[in-house]
N, C-alpha and C. Protein backbone atom coordinates (compact mmCIF):
# COMPACT_ATOMS: atom_id res chain seq x y z
N UNK A 1 33.32 7.07 15.48
CA UNK A 1 33.53 8.22 14.67
C UNK A 1 32.34 8.16 13.70
N UNK A 2 31.60 9.35 13.38
CA UNK A 2 30.60 9.32 12.39
C UNK A 2 30.86 10.28 11.23
N UNK A 3 30.68 9.65 9.97
CA UNK A 3 31.01 10.41 8.84
C UNK A 3 29.99 10.17 7.78
N UNK A 4 29.86 11.33 6.86
CA UNK A 4 28.73 11.09 5.85
C UNK A 4 29.09 9.53 5.09
N UNK A 5 27.95 8.97 4.70
CA UNK A 5 27.89 7.67 4.33
C UNK A 5 28.43 7.79 2.84
N UNK A 6 29.21 6.74 2.30
CA UNK A 6 29.92 6.91 0.98
C UNK A 6 28.69 6.95 -0.09
N UNK A 7 27.75 6.27 0.03
CA UNK A 7 26.61 6.43 -0.89
C UNK A 7 25.48 7.21 -0.48
N UNK A 8 25.76 8.30 0.42
CA UNK A 8 24.76 9.01 1.20
C UNK A 8 23.76 9.57 0.15
N UNK A 9 22.36 9.58 0.54
CA UNK A 9 21.31 10.18 -0.10
C UNK A 9 21.31 11.70 0.43
N UNK A 10 21.15 12.64 -0.44
CA UNK A 10 21.13 13.89 0.09
C UNK A 10 19.96 14.28 1.14
N UNK A 11 20.29 15.00 2.11
CA UNK A 11 19.28 15.36 3.08
C UNK A 11 18.14 15.97 2.50
N UNK A 12 16.95 15.75 2.75
CA UNK A 12 15.82 16.38 2.13
C UNK A 12 15.24 15.71 0.88
N UNK A 13 16.03 14.46 0.39
CA UNK A 13 15.47 13.93 -0.54
C UNK A 13 14.23 12.99 -0.24
N UNK A 14 13.10 13.38 -1.05
CA UNK A 14 11.69 12.64 -0.58
C UNK A 14 11.69 11.33 -1.30
N UNK A 15 11.43 10.28 -0.49
CA UNK A 15 11.46 8.97 -0.93
C UNK A 15 10.13 8.49 -1.42
N UNK A 16 9.19 8.90 -0.84
CA UNK A 16 7.87 8.69 -1.21
C UNK A 16 6.78 9.44 -0.54
N UNK A 17 5.48 9.54 -1.20
CA UNK A 17 4.19 10.18 -0.65
C UNK A 17 3.25 9.23 -0.70
N UNK A 18 2.61 9.00 0.48
CA UNK A 18 1.39 7.92 0.60
C UNK A 18 0.27 8.51 1.26
N UNK A 19 -1.01 8.08 1.05
CA UNK A 19 -2.15 8.49 1.69
C UNK A 19 -2.96 7.16 2.09
N UNK A 20 -3.58 7.64 3.27
CA UNK A 20 -4.52 6.47 3.65
C UNK A 20 -5.51 7.15 4.76
N UNK A 21 -6.67 6.36 4.94
CA UNK A 21 -7.75 6.75 5.77
C UNK A 21 -7.63 6.03 7.12
N UNK A 22 -7.91 6.66 8.07
CA UNK A 22 -7.89 5.91 9.51
C UNK A 22 -9.19 5.32 9.49
N UNK A 23 -9.23 3.92 9.31
CA UNK A 23 -10.36 3.35 9.12
C UNK A 23 -10.83 2.45 10.40
N UNK A 24 -12.16 2.27 10.74
CA UNK A 24 -12.66 1.68 12.08
C UNK A 24 -12.14 0.32 12.22
N UNK A 25 -11.99 -0.44 11.14
CA UNK A 25 -11.68 -2.00 11.18
C UNK A 25 -10.23 -1.95 11.52
N UNK A 26 -9.44 -1.08 11.05
CA UNK A 26 -8.01 -1.10 11.39
C UNK A 26 -7.72 -0.77 12.67
N UNK A 27 -8.38 0.43 13.17
CA UNK A 27 -8.34 0.89 14.55
C UNK A 27 -8.62 -0.41 15.54
N UNK A 28 -9.63 -1.12 15.29
CA UNK A 28 -10.00 -2.33 16.04
C UNK A 28 -8.88 -3.26 16.00
N UNK A 29 -8.40 -3.51 14.88
CA UNK A 29 -7.22 -4.61 14.60
C UNK A 29 -6.05 -4.10 15.60
N UNK A 30 -5.71 -2.82 15.41
CA UNK A 30 -4.48 -2.35 16.24
C UNK A 30 -4.69 -2.38 17.60
N UNK A 31 -5.98 -1.93 18.22
CA UNK A 31 -6.28 -2.02 19.43
C UNK A 31 -6.10 -3.47 20.03
N UNK A 32 -6.55 -4.36 19.36
CA UNK A 32 -6.48 -5.72 19.66
C UNK A 32 -5.00 -6.22 19.70
N UNK A 33 -4.43 -5.98 18.61
CA UNK A 33 -2.99 -6.33 18.47
C UNK A 33 -2.10 -5.72 19.45
N UNK A 34 -2.31 -4.62 19.79
CA UNK A 34 -1.37 -3.99 20.87
C UNK A 34 -1.89 -3.95 22.26
N UNK A 35 -3.00 -4.71 22.57
CA UNK A 35 -3.62 -4.80 23.71
C UNK A 35 -3.92 -3.35 24.27
N UNK A 36 -4.48 -2.67 23.52
CA UNK A 36 -4.98 -1.41 23.95
C UNK A 36 -6.37 -1.63 24.51
N UNK A 37 -6.49 -1.73 25.74
CA UNK A 37 -7.68 -2.10 26.45
C UNK A 37 -8.72 -0.88 26.72
N UNK A 38 -8.09 0.25 26.80
CA UNK A 38 -9.08 1.43 26.97
C UNK A 38 -10.18 1.50 25.99
N UNK A 39 -11.47 1.58 26.34
CA UNK A 39 -12.54 1.57 25.55
C UNK A 39 -12.77 2.66 24.60
N UNK A 40 -11.91 3.66 24.83
CA UNK A 40 -11.93 4.77 23.67
C UNK A 40 -11.60 4.14 22.31
N UNK A 41 -10.95 3.23 22.26
CA UNK A 41 -10.33 2.64 20.93
C UNK A 41 -11.38 1.72 20.40
N UNK A 42 -12.52 1.48 21.15
CA UNK A 42 -13.44 0.46 20.48
C UNK A 42 -15.07 0.80 20.65
N UNK A 43 -15.25 1.85 21.41
CA UNK A 43 -16.46 2.27 21.84
C UNK A 43 -16.63 3.83 21.49
N UNK A 44 -17.57 4.05 20.64
CA UNK A 44 -17.81 5.42 20.40
C UNK A 44 -18.35 6.33 21.55
N UNK A 45 -19.14 5.80 22.25
CA UNK A 45 -19.69 6.63 23.61
C UNK A 45 -18.39 6.81 24.50
N UNK A 46 -17.55 5.88 24.66
CA UNK A 46 -16.40 6.02 25.57
C UNK A 46 -15.53 7.12 24.96
N UNK A 47 -15.33 7.20 23.54
CA UNK A 47 -14.48 8.18 22.96
C UNK A 47 -15.15 9.46 23.12
N UNK A 48 -16.25 9.60 22.84
CA UNK A 48 -17.16 10.92 22.94
C UNK A 48 -17.03 11.49 24.39
N UNK A 49 -17.18 10.56 25.34
CA UNK A 49 -17.12 10.92 26.76
C UNK A 49 -15.72 11.54 27.18
N UNK A 50 -14.69 11.03 26.53
CA UNK A 50 -13.29 11.34 26.84
C UNK A 50 -13.01 12.52 25.99
N UNK A 51 -13.87 13.12 25.05
CA UNK A 51 -13.60 14.30 24.34
C UNK A 51 -13.18 14.12 23.03
N UNK A 52 -13.03 12.97 22.37
CA UNK A 52 -12.77 12.71 21.10
C UNK A 52 -13.85 12.97 20.11
N UNK A 53 -13.62 13.43 18.90
CA UNK A 53 -14.67 13.56 18.08
C UNK A 53 -15.10 12.38 17.25
N UNK A 54 -14.28 11.31 17.39
CA UNK A 54 -14.54 9.88 16.90
C UNK A 54 -13.62 9.06 17.65
N UNK A 55 -13.75 7.69 17.42
CA UNK A 55 -12.84 6.88 18.16
C UNK A 55 -11.39 7.07 17.57
N UNK A 56 -10.46 7.27 18.69
CA UNK A 56 -8.98 7.51 18.31
C UNK A 56 -8.43 6.29 18.03
N UNK A 57 -7.45 6.44 17.16
CA UNK A 57 -6.42 5.38 16.83
C UNK A 57 -5.44 5.13 17.81
N UNK A 58 -4.94 4.00 17.93
CA UNK A 58 -3.68 3.62 18.81
C UNK A 58 -2.40 4.42 18.36
N UNK A 59 -1.41 4.73 19.28
CA UNK A 59 -0.38 5.60 19.07
C UNK A 59 0.53 5.11 17.77
N UNK A 60 0.45 3.82 17.50
CA UNK A 60 1.46 3.48 16.35
C UNK A 60 0.78 3.12 15.10
N UNK A 61 -0.39 3.75 14.97
CA UNK A 61 -1.41 3.53 13.77
C UNK A 61 -0.76 3.87 12.55
N UNK A 62 0.05 4.87 12.41
CA UNK A 62 0.46 5.23 11.09
C UNK A 62 1.48 4.09 10.50
N UNK A 63 1.73 3.09 11.13
CA UNK A 63 2.55 2.01 10.44
C UNK A 63 1.72 1.38 9.42
N UNK A 64 0.49 1.54 9.45
CA UNK A 64 -0.65 1.07 8.40
C UNK A 64 0.07 1.40 7.01
N UNK A 65 0.70 2.61 6.90
CA UNK A 65 1.17 3.14 5.79
C UNK A 65 2.08 2.08 4.93
N UNK A 66 2.81 1.26 5.72
CA UNK A 66 3.54 0.32 5.20
C UNK A 66 2.98 -0.47 4.13
N UNK A 67 1.48 -0.80 4.20
CA UNK A 67 0.91 -1.42 3.23
C UNK A 67 0.57 -0.78 1.97
N UNK A 68 0.81 0.60 2.05
CA UNK A 68 0.65 1.52 0.96
C UNK A 68 1.90 1.86 0.28
N UNK A 69 2.92 1.56 0.86
CA UNK A 69 4.25 1.94 0.27
C UNK A 69 4.95 0.85 -0.44
N UNK A 70 5.63 1.15 -1.54
CA UNK A 70 6.46 0.35 -2.16
C UNK A 70 7.75 0.10 -1.49
N UNK A 71 7.88 -0.88 -0.53
CA UNK A 71 8.97 -1.01 0.21
C UNK A 71 10.35 -1.29 -0.50
N UNK A 72 10.29 -2.15 -1.42
CA UNK A 72 11.40 -2.54 -2.25
C UNK A 72 12.02 -1.38 -3.04
N UNK A 73 11.16 -0.52 -3.45
CA UNK A 73 11.54 0.81 -4.18
C UNK A 73 12.24 1.75 -3.45
N UNK A 74 11.77 2.00 -2.21
CA UNK A 74 12.42 2.93 -1.40
C UNK A 74 13.87 2.40 -0.76
N UNK A 75 13.96 1.10 -0.57
CA UNK A 75 15.15 0.47 -0.15
C UNK A 75 16.19 0.33 -1.29
N UNK A 76 15.75 0.41 -2.49
CA UNK A 76 16.48 0.39 -3.55
C UNK A 76 17.04 1.79 -3.75
N UNK A 77 16.04 2.72 -3.62
CA UNK A 77 16.46 4.10 -3.70
C UNK A 77 17.57 4.68 -2.83
N UNK A 78 17.63 3.95 -1.67
CA UNK A 78 18.53 4.38 -0.59
C UNK A 78 19.82 3.58 -0.84
N UNK A 79 19.87 2.63 -1.80
CA UNK A 79 21.02 1.65 -2.07
C UNK A 79 21.25 0.91 -0.94
N UNK A 80 20.24 0.48 -0.23
CA UNK A 80 20.59 -0.43 0.98
C UNK A 80 20.51 -1.96 0.52
N UNK A 81 21.41 -2.83 1.19
CA UNK A 81 21.12 -4.19 0.95
C UNK A 81 20.20 -4.74 2.02
N UNK A 82 18.88 -4.88 1.64
CA UNK A 82 17.84 -5.38 2.67
C UNK A 82 18.37 -6.50 3.58
N UNK A 83 19.10 -7.47 3.16
CA UNK A 83 19.44 -8.58 3.88
C UNK A 83 20.43 -8.29 5.23
N UNK A 84 20.97 -6.84 5.22
CA UNK A 84 21.82 -6.38 6.18
C UNK A 84 21.07 -5.21 6.90
N UNK A 85 19.88 -4.92 6.82
CA UNK A 85 19.19 -3.79 7.39
C UNK A 85 18.23 -4.21 8.58
N UNK A 86 18.44 -3.34 9.56
CA UNK A 86 17.59 -3.61 10.87
C UNK A 86 16.97 -2.22 11.18
N UNK A 87 15.84 -2.13 11.71
CA UNK A 87 15.33 -0.96 12.22
C UNK A 87 16.02 -0.63 13.54
N UNK A 88 16.54 0.46 13.59
CA UNK A 88 17.23 0.97 14.84
C UNK A 88 16.32 1.52 15.83
N UNK A 89 15.41 2.21 15.41
CA UNK A 89 14.38 2.78 16.15
C UNK A 89 13.27 3.51 15.47
N UNK A 90 12.21 3.65 16.05
CA UNK A 90 11.07 4.42 15.45
C UNK A 90 10.38 5.23 16.53
N UNK A 91 10.04 6.43 16.22
CA UNK A 91 9.31 7.35 17.23
C UNK A 91 8.29 8.21 16.45
N UNK A 92 7.28 8.59 17.39
CA UNK A 92 6.26 9.29 16.76
C UNK A 92 5.98 10.57 17.53
N UNK A 93 5.62 11.64 16.97
CA UNK A 93 5.69 12.91 17.74
C UNK A 93 4.19 13.42 17.22
N UNK A 94 3.20 13.23 18.17
CA UNK A 94 1.68 13.61 17.73
C UNK A 94 1.45 15.12 18.06
N UNK A 95 0.86 15.84 17.03
CA UNK A 95 0.34 17.20 17.36
C UNK A 95 -1.21 16.91 17.74
N UNK A 96 -1.80 15.96 17.40
CA UNK A 96 -3.11 15.72 17.88
C UNK A 96 -3.46 14.18 17.61
N UNK A 97 -4.37 13.61 18.25
CA UNK A 97 -4.67 12.30 18.14
C UNK A 97 -5.37 11.97 16.78
N UNK A 98 -5.09 10.92 16.38
CA UNK A 98 -5.98 10.41 15.06
C UNK A 98 -7.06 9.77 15.31
N UNK A 99 -8.22 10.15 14.62
CA UNK A 99 -9.38 9.64 14.85
C UNK A 99 -9.97 8.87 13.48
N UNK A 100 -10.83 7.90 13.60
CA UNK A 100 -11.61 7.45 12.58
C UNK A 100 -12.01 8.35 11.60
N UNK A 101 -11.82 8.24 10.37
CA UNK A 101 -12.38 9.31 9.37
C UNK A 101 -11.13 10.06 8.90
N UNK A 102 -10.11 10.31 9.75
CA UNK A 102 -9.08 11.14 9.21
C UNK A 102 -8.33 10.59 7.93
N UNK A 103 -7.99 11.44 7.07
CA UNK A 103 -7.33 11.03 5.81
C UNK A 103 -5.84 11.84 5.96
N UNK A 104 -4.85 10.81 6.04
CA UNK A 104 -3.48 11.41 6.20
C UNK A 104 -2.68 11.17 4.79
N UNK A 105 -1.84 12.19 4.62
CA UNK A 105 -0.78 11.93 3.55
C UNK A 105 0.59 12.26 4.06
N UNK A 106 1.41 11.18 4.00
CA UNK A 106 2.66 11.22 4.44
C UNK A 106 3.80 11.46 3.53
N UNK A 107 4.70 12.47 3.76
CA UNK A 107 5.89 12.63 2.78
C UNK A 107 6.97 12.10 3.78
N UNK A 108 7.73 11.09 3.19
CA UNK A 108 9.00 10.46 3.82
C UNK A 108 10.20 11.18 3.22
N UNK A 109 11.13 11.77 4.00
CA UNK A 109 12.17 12.29 3.57
C UNK A 109 13.54 11.72 4.34
N UNK A 110 14.66 11.87 3.65
CA UNK A 110 15.94 11.60 4.37
C UNK A 110 16.40 12.79 5.11
N UNK A 111 16.66 12.60 6.42
CA UNK A 111 17.05 13.79 7.21
C UNK A 111 18.58 13.57 7.69
N UNK A 112 19.23 12.33 7.60
CA UNK A 112 20.42 11.94 7.90
C UNK A 112 20.86 10.69 7.18
N UNK A 113 22.12 10.69 6.61
CA UNK A 113 22.65 9.42 6.17
C UNK A 113 24.12 9.43 6.52
N UNK A 114 24.60 8.65 7.48
CA UNK A 114 26.00 8.59 7.83
C UNK A 114 26.47 7.15 8.08
N UNK A 115 27.77 6.85 8.12
CA UNK A 115 28.34 5.62 8.37
C UNK A 115 29.15 5.87 9.77
N UNK A 116 29.29 4.83 10.52
CA UNK A 116 30.24 4.97 11.70
C UNK A 116 30.70 3.46 12.02
N UNK A 117 31.81 3.57 12.73
CA UNK A 117 32.40 2.34 13.04
C UNK A 117 31.59 1.35 13.96
N UNK A 118 31.44 0.10 13.65
CA UNK A 118 30.76 -0.64 14.46
C UNK A 118 31.45 -1.15 15.74
N UNK A 119 30.63 -1.62 16.63
CA UNK A 119 31.35 -2.13 18.04
C UNK A 119 32.22 -3.43 17.58
N UNK A 120 31.88 -4.26 16.67
CA UNK A 120 32.66 -5.42 16.43
C UNK A 120 33.30 -5.34 15.09
N UNK A 121 33.83 -4.04 14.90
CA UNK A 121 34.69 -3.93 13.60
C UNK A 121 33.68 -3.60 12.54
N UNK A 122 34.39 -3.22 11.51
CA UNK A 122 33.41 -2.81 10.19
C UNK A 122 32.67 -1.52 10.46
N UNK A 123 31.88 -1.20 9.48
CA UNK A 123 31.20 -0.07 9.71
C UNK A 123 29.64 -0.26 9.36
N UNK A 124 28.88 0.74 9.92
CA UNK A 124 27.29 0.80 9.83
C UNK A 124 27.05 1.82 9.10
N UNK A 125 25.95 1.72 8.42
CA UNK A 125 25.33 2.89 7.75
C UNK A 125 23.98 3.18 8.50
N UNK A 126 23.76 4.37 8.94
CA UNK A 126 22.66 4.75 9.59
C UNK A 126 21.77 5.80 8.75
N UNK A 127 20.59 5.49 8.37
CA UNK A 127 19.79 6.44 7.45
C UNK A 127 18.52 6.83 8.29
N UNK A 128 18.49 8.10 8.54
CA UNK A 128 17.25 8.52 9.42
C UNK A 128 16.31 9.08 8.48
N UNK A 129 15.11 8.60 8.67
CA UNK A 129 13.97 8.95 7.69
C UNK A 129 12.91 9.86 8.56
N UNK A 130 12.34 10.76 8.11
CA UNK A 130 11.10 11.34 8.72
C UNK A 130 9.99 11.54 7.79
N UNK A 131 8.82 11.09 8.44
CA UNK A 131 7.57 11.25 7.62
C UNK A 131 6.70 12.32 8.30
N UNK A 132 6.20 13.32 7.71
CA UNK A 132 5.42 14.18 8.08
C UNK A 132 3.95 13.84 7.58
N UNK A 133 3.04 13.63 8.48
CA UNK A 133 1.71 13.14 8.18
C UNK A 133 0.72 14.27 8.40
N UNK A 134 0.27 14.70 7.18
CA UNK A 134 -0.79 15.89 7.39
C UNK A 134 -2.10 15.33 7.03
N UNK A 135 -3.16 16.16 7.66
CA UNK A 135 -4.50 15.75 7.36
C UNK A 135 -5.08 16.64 6.24
N UNK A 136 -6.19 16.40 5.88
CA UNK A 136 -6.98 17.14 4.74
C UNK A 136 -6.96 18.76 4.89
N UNK A 137 -6.65 19.13 5.94
CA UNK A 137 -6.59 20.72 6.11
C UNK A 137 -5.01 21.13 5.75
N UNK A 138 -4.27 20.21 5.79
CA UNK A 138 -2.76 20.46 5.67
C UNK A 138 -1.94 20.64 6.91
N UNK A 139 -2.61 20.45 7.97
CA UNK A 139 -1.93 20.60 9.37
C UNK A 139 -1.42 19.18 9.60
N UNK A 140 0.04 19.29 10.01
CA UNK A 140 0.71 18.06 10.64
C UNK A 140 0.01 17.37 11.77
N UNK A 141 -0.43 16.19 11.76
CA UNK A 141 -0.87 15.41 12.86
C UNK A 141 0.09 14.72 13.54
N UNK A 142 1.08 14.07 12.85
CA UNK A 142 2.14 13.29 13.33
C UNK A 142 3.30 13.28 12.60
N UNK A 143 4.53 13.37 13.28
CA UNK A 143 5.66 13.23 12.65
C UNK A 143 6.45 11.87 13.26
N UNK A 144 6.80 11.14 12.14
CA UNK A 144 7.48 9.85 12.35
C UNK A 144 8.82 9.83 12.05
N UNK A 145 9.60 9.40 12.79
CA UNK A 145 11.09 9.31 12.64
C UNK A 145 11.59 7.97 12.71
N UNK A 146 12.33 7.41 11.83
CA UNK A 146 12.81 6.07 11.89
C UNK A 146 14.27 5.94 11.44
N UNK A 147 15.07 5.21 12.11
CA UNK A 147 16.45 5.04 11.84
C UNK A 147 16.68 3.65 11.34
N UNK A 148 17.16 3.56 10.20
CA UNK A 148 17.65 2.25 9.53
C UNK A 148 19.15 2.01 9.60
N UNK A 149 19.51 0.89 10.10
CA UNK A 149 20.93 0.43 10.27
C UNK A 149 21.18 -0.62 9.13
N UNK A 150 22.24 -0.33 8.39
CA UNK A 150 22.67 -1.41 7.55
C UNK A 150 24.16 -1.82 8.03
N UNK A 151 24.21 -2.92 8.44
CA UNK A 151 25.49 -3.56 8.85
C UNK A 151 26.44 -3.68 7.67
N UNK A 152 27.73 -3.59 8.14
CA UNK A 152 28.65 -3.78 7.12
C UNK A 152 28.63 -5.13 6.37
N UNK A 153 29.18 -5.27 5.13
CA UNK A 153 29.23 -6.45 4.43
C UNK A 153 30.16 -7.53 5.18
């Protein structure tokens, strides 16, 4: 059974707004860390030959924003007990590839906040967040959706 969370945050509530630039060094780090072996992520000539305007970032690159966000502040705003929170899922929907030099601004909103019965008894709170990442032209480049699960006390 799924019901609105007792301490639910209203849908549409903006949790934070952050900006960052897609930097060459970070793209290299992510390519190495995620074992993205395709040369388009490290070689400008390969990227150009593949039709990119610059070296493209790897698909999970927007997680860089975590370094620009006040994580404690948004957890407190949601009223979550961080010691009981796990990430249930994260997904990205790309409108276009991110490339070195892009400047993105992300607005993270609450899109759902419910509780439901857990498999082992008790309840779980599920908070779904969506971040719309727009570029300097105001166009959405990526939509990121994440579900946080707070296990019952």
